[in-house]
C-alpha atoms as a PDB file:
ATOM      1  CA  MET A   1      67.427 -57.688 153.274  1.00  0.00           C
ATOM      2  CA  THR A   2      69.212 -55.504 155.767  1.00  0.00           C
ATOM      3  CA  SER A   3      67.506 -54.219 158.870  1.00  0.00           C
ATOM      4  CA  LEU A   4      67.648 -50.655 157.564  1.00  0.00           C
ATOM      5  CA  ARG A   5      65.919 -51.656 154.315  1.00  0.00           C
ATOM      6  CA  ARG A   6      63.253 -53.528 156.233  1.00  0.00           C
ATOM      7  CA  LEU A   7      62.720 -50.504 158.416  1.00  0.00           C
ATOM      8  CA  LEU A   8      62.509 -48.164 155.432  1.00  0.00           C
ATOM      9  CA  PHE A   9      60.357 -50.276 153.096  1.00  0.00           C
ATOM     10  CA  LEU A  10      58.313 -52.422 155.533  1.00  0.00           C
ATOM     11  CA  PRO A  11      58.087 -55.496 153.266  1.00  0.00           C
ATOM     12  CA  GLY A  12      56.234 -57.467 155.945  1.00  0.00           C
ATOM     13  CA  ASN A  13      53.237 -55.182 155.559  1.00  0.00           C
ATOM     14  CA  ALA A  14      52.479 -56.714 152.157  1.00  0.00           C
ATOM     15  CA  ARG A  15      50.933 -59.736 153.841  1.00  0.00           C
ATOM     16  CA  PHE A  16      48.138 -57.448 155.088  1.00  0.00           C
ATOM     17  CA  ALA A  17      47.346 -55.943 151.664  1.00  0.00           C
ATOM     18  CA  ASP A  18      44.123 -57.921 151.177  1.00  0.00           C
ATOM     19  CA  PHE A  19      42.964 -56.964 154.665  1.00  0.00           C
ATOM     20  CA  GLY A  20      43.634 -53.303 153.860  1.00  0.00           C
ATOM     21  CA  LEU A  21      41.679 -53.688 150.622  1.00  0.00           C
ATOM     22  CA  LEU A  22      38.795 -55.225 152.587  1.00  0.00           C
ATOM     23  CA  LEU A  23      38.740 -52.228 154.942  1.00  0.00           C
ATOM     24  CA  LEU A  24      38.817 -49.832 151.986  1.00  0.00           C
ATOM     25  CA  ARG A  25      35.936 -51.698 150.311  1.00  0.00           C
ATOM     26  CA  LEU A  26      33.913 -51.704 153.546  1.00  0.00           C
ATOM     27  CA  ALA A  27      34.428 -47.982 154.167  1.00  0.00           C
ATOM     28  CA  THR A  28      33.550 -47.117 150.559  1.00  0.00           C
ATOM     29  CA  GLY A  29      30.512 -49.390 150.544  1.00  0.00           C
ATOM     30  CA  VAL A  30      29.148 -48.004 153.808  1.00  0.00           C
ATOM     31  CA  PHE A  31      29.702 -44.454 152.535  1.00  0.00           C
ATOM     32  CA  LEU A  32      27.869 -45.111 149.247  1.00  0.00           C
ATOM     33  CA  ILE A  33      24.944 -46.765 151.035  1.00  0.00           C
ATOM     34  CA  TYR A  34      24.768 -43.929 153.562  1.00  0.00           C
ATOM     35  CA  GLN A  35      24.842 -41.278 150.824  1.00  0.00           C
ATOM     36  CA  SER A  36      22.131 -42.936 148.736  1.00  0.00           C
ATOM     37  CA  HIS A  37      19.760 -44.705 151.137  1.00  0.00           C
ATOM     38  CA  ASP A  38      17.538 -41.714 151.810  1.00  0.00           C
ATOM     39  CA  ASN A  39      16.905 -41.278 148.075  1.00  0.00           C
ATOM     40  CA  VAL A  40      16.233 -44.995 147.686  1.00  0.00           C
ATOM     41  CA  PHE A  41      13.666 -45.136 150.486  1.00  0.00           C
ATOM     42  CA  SER A  42      12.024 -41.703 150.158  1.00  0.00           C
ATOM     43  CA  ALA A  43      10.159 -40.461 147.095  1.00  0.00           C
ATOM     44  CA  ALA A  44      10.434 -36.884 148.389  1.00  0.00           C
ATOM     45  CA  ARG A  45      14.233 -37.136 148.615  1.00  0.00           C
ATOM     46  CA  MET A  46      14.363 -38.670 145.131  1.00  0.00           C
ATOM     47  CA  ASP A  47      12.326 -35.724 143.830  1.00  0.00           C
ATOM     48  CA  GLU A  48      14.855 -33.374 145.437  1.00  0.00           C
ATOM     49  CA  PHE A  49      17.656 -35.214 143.665  1.00  0.00           C
ATOM     50  CA  VAL A  50      15.818 -34.940 140.332  1.00  0.00           C
ATOM     51  CA  LYS A  51      15.620 -31.161 140.912  1.00  0.00           C
ATOM     52  CA  PHE A  52      19.324 -31.108 141.802  1.00  0.00           C
ATOM     53  CA  LEU A  53      20.233 -32.854 138.539  1.00  0.00           C
ATOM     54  CA  THR A  54      17.914 -30.512 136.632  1.00  0.00           C
ATOM     55  CA  GLN A  55      19.687 -27.515 138.193  1.00  0.00           C
ATOM     56  CA  PHE A  56      23.005 -28.799 136.836  1.00  0.00           C
ATOM     57  CA  HIS A  57      21.571 -29.481 133.361  1.00  0.00           C
ATOM     58  CA  PHE A  58      21.870 -33.260 133.400  1.00  0.00           C
ATOM     59  CA  PRO A  59      20.036 -34.881 130.497  1.00  0.00           C
ATOM     60  CA  LEU A  60      16.908 -36.852 131.440  1.00  0.00           C
ATOM     61  CA  PRO A  61      17.094 -36.100 135.175  1.00  0.00           C
ATOM     62  CA  GLU A  62      13.946 -38.160 135.879  1.00  0.00           C
ATOM     63  CA  LEU A  63      15.806 -41.203 134.561  1.00  0.00           C
ATOM     64  CA  MET A  64      19.339 -40.313 135.646  1.00  0.00           C
ATOM     65  CA  ALA A  65      18.444 -39.640 139.296  1.00  0.00           C
ATOM     66  CA  PRO A  66      17.111 -43.116 140.095  1.00  0.00           C
ATOM     67  CA  LEU A  67      19.815 -44.796 137.978  1.00  0.00           C
ATOM     68  CA  SER A  68      22.521 -42.920 139.830  1.00  0.00           C
ATOM     69  CA  VAL A  69      21.060 -43.464 143.284  1.00  0.00           C
ATOM     70  CA  TYR A  70      20.193 -47.127 142.870  1.00  0.00           C
ATOM     71  CA  PHE A  71      23.582 -47.826 141.324  1.00  0.00           C
ATOM     72  CA  GLN A  72      25.363 -46.196 144.272  1.00  0.00           C
ATOM     73  CA  PHE A  73      23.260 -48.206 146.716  1.00  0.00           C
ATOM     74  CA  VAL A  74      23.906 -51.491 144.897  1.00  0.00           C
ATOM     75  CA  ALA A  75      27.592 -50.641 144.438  1.00  0.00           C
ATOM     76  CA  GLY A  76      27.881 -50.058 148.172  1.00  0.00           C
ATOM     77  CA  ILE A  77      26.472 -53.515 148.857  1.00  0.00           C
ATOM     78  CA  GLY A  78      28.696 -55.033 146.170  1.00  0.00           C
ATOM     79  CA  PHE A  79      31.844 -53.408 147.582  1.00  0.00           C
ATOM     80  CA  ILE A  80      31.017 -54.651 151.075  1.00  0.00           C
ATOM     81  CA  LEU A  81      30.521 -58.193 149.776  1.00  0.00           C
ATOM     82  CA  GLY A  82      33.394 -58.010 147.300  1.00  0.00           C
ATOM     83  CA  LEU A  83      31.024 -59.033 144.526  1.00  0.00           C
ATOM     84  CA  PHE A  84      31.385 -57.758 140.937  1.00  0.00           C
ATOM     85  CA  THR A  85      34.006 -55.423 142.367  1.00  0.00           C
ATOM     86  CA  ARG A  86      35.737 -54.652 139.082  1.00  0.00           C
ATOM     87  CA  TRP A  87      32.557 -53.711 137.199  1.00  0.00           C
ATOM     88  CA  LEU A  88      31.151 -51.744 140.119  1.00  0.00           C
ATOM     89  CA  GLY A  89      34.476 -49.970 140.517  1.00  0.00           C
ATOM     90  CA  LEU A  90      34.688 -48.928 136.873  1.00  0.00           C
ATOM     91  CA  ILE A  91      31.094 -47.708 136.810  1.00  0.00           C
ATOM     92  CA  THR A  92      31.652 -45.825 140.081  1.00  0.00           C
ATOM     93  CA  CYS A  93      34.740 -44.224 138.562  1.00  0.00           C
ATOM     94  CA  PHE A  94      32.747 -43.121 135.512  1.00  0.00           C
ATOM     95  CA  GLN A  95      29.783 -41.902 137.572  1.00  0.00           C
ATOM     96  CA  PHE A  96      31.971 -39.691 139.743  1.00  0.00           C
ATOM     97  CA  ILE A  97      33.973 -38.369 136.780  1.00  0.00           C
ATOM     98  CA  VAL A  98      30.615 -37.143 135.484  1.00  0.00           C
ATOM     99  CA  ALA A  99      29.797 -35.678 138.916  1.00  0.00           C
ATOM    100  CA  VAL A 100      33.119 -33.816 139.040  1.00  0.00           C
ATOM    101  CA  TYR A 101      32.606 -32.441 135.544  1.00  0.00           C
ATOM    102  CA  MET A 102      28.908 -31.570 135.766  1.00  0.00           C
ATOM    103  CA  VAL A 103      28.620 -30.425 139.389  1.00  0.00           C
ATOM    104  CA  HIS A 104      31.988 -29.622 140.943  1.00  0.00           C
ATOM    105  CA  SER A 105      34.107 -28.198 138.110  1.00  0.00           C
ATOM    106  CA  PRO A 106      32.896 -24.578 138.541  1.00  0.00           C
ATOM    107  CA  ASP A 107      33.790 -24.706 142.249  1.00  0.00           C
ATOM    108  CA  ALA A 108      37.149 -24.343 143.974  1.00  0.00           C
ATOM    109  CA  PHE A 109      39.304 -27.443 143.629  1.00  0.00           C
ATOM    110  CA  PRO A 110      39.102 -28.517 147.322  1.00  0.00           C
ATOM    111  CA  THR A 111      35.338 -29.025 146.968  1.00  0.00           C
ATOM    112  CA  TRP A 112      36.021 -31.673 144.325  1.00  0.00           C
ATOM    113  CA  TRP A 113      37.788 -33.900 146.848  1.00  0.00           C
ATOM    114  CA  PRO A 114      35.002 -36.320 147.943  1.00  0.00           C
ATOM    115  CA  ALA A 115      33.962 -36.994 144.340  1.00  0.00           C
ATOM    116  CA  LEU A 116      37.599 -37.280 143.202  1.00  0.00           C
ATOM    117  CA  VAL A 117      38.322 -39.781 145.947  1.00  0.00           C
ATOM    118  CA  LEU A 118      35.446 -41.900 144.641  1.00  0.00           C
ATOM    119  CA  VAL A 119      36.809 -41.597 141.082  1.00  0.00           C
ATOM    120  CA  PHE A 120      40.126 -43.065 142.202  1.00  0.00           C
ATOM    121  CA  LEU A 121      38.644 -45.630 144.584  1.00  0.00           C
ATOM    122  CA  GLY A 122      36.413 -46.819 141.746  1.00  0.00           C
ATOM    123  CA  LEU A 123      39.404 -47.016 139.419  1.00  0.00           C
ATOM    124  CA  TYR A 124      41.426 -48.919 142.009  1.00  0.00           C
ATOM    125  CA  PHE A 125      38.623 -51.408 142.660  1.00  0.00           C
ATOM    126  CA  GLY A 126      38.097 -51.753 138.907  1.00  0.00           C
ATOM    127  CA  LEU A 127      41.740 -52.650 138.401  1.00  0.00           C
ATOM    128  CA  ARG A 128      42.373 -54.617 141.590  1.00  0.00           C
ATOM    129  CA  GLY A 129      39.129 -56.472 142.233  1.00  0.00           C
ATOM    130  CA  SER A 130      37.942 -57.584 145.644  1.00  0.00           C
ATOM    131  CA  GLY A 131      41.115 -59.235 146.844  1.00  0.00           C
ATOM    132  CA  ARG A 132      41.160 -62.389 148.919  1.00  0.00           C
ATOM    133  CA  TYR A 133      38.355 -61.364 151.286  1.00  0.00           C
ATOM    134  CA  GLY A 134      35.473 -61.016 148.880  1.00  0.00           C
ATOM    135  CA  LEU A 135      33.019 -63.153 146.965  1.00  0.00           C
ATOM    136  CA  ASP A 136      34.593 -62.469 143.568  1.00  0.00           C
ATOM    137  CA  PRO A 137      37.272 -65.178 143.908  1.00  0.00           C
ATOM    138  CA  LEU A 138      34.581 -67.781 144.594  1.00  0.00           C
ATOM    139  CA  PHE A 139      32.624 -66.911 141.450  1.00  0.00           C
ATOM    140  CA  GLU A 140      35.688 -66.387 139.285  1.00  0.00           C
ATOM    141  CA  GLY A 141      36.519 -70.042 139.792  1.00  0.00           C
ATOM    142  CA  ARG A 142      39.771 -69.468 141.616  1.00  0.00           C
ATOM    143  CA  SER A 143      40.687 -70.213 145.141  1.00  0.00           C
ATOM    144  CA  SER A 144      40.248 -67.439 147.672  1.00  0.00           C
ATOM    145  CA  ARG A 145      43.886 -68.033 148.625  1.00  0.00           C
ATOM    146  CA  ARG A 146      46.618 -66.647 146.441  1.00  0.00           C
END
């Protein structure tokens, strides 16, 4: 490969792809835990979230609120550990598609951004998995080295 091609396409960066995926998983996991922990540990905050879901006409808000919050909390832990990454990613994708549709769709498009980012992060994790630096490879029965 010529020097110009290497400069333009940076093929050497590919060796850091799993490290980049680890950082993306960590940032997403910390964000999900941060966004959900207060509802997990406070009944008053959970009640507020039930009212929020009621306001947006979610079915069964008393059931959906804890399911949503506890899933986000567990997904955050799973993304950090790289455990069940594909399942957690797909469910995260679905959960935030619902959030975009039910909560954000009446608003201006830029307000959709945080939820849309989580839709696509969830999809990416669902398709890609944890990468080398996660627990998934250990439980999938393959070496953590590719």
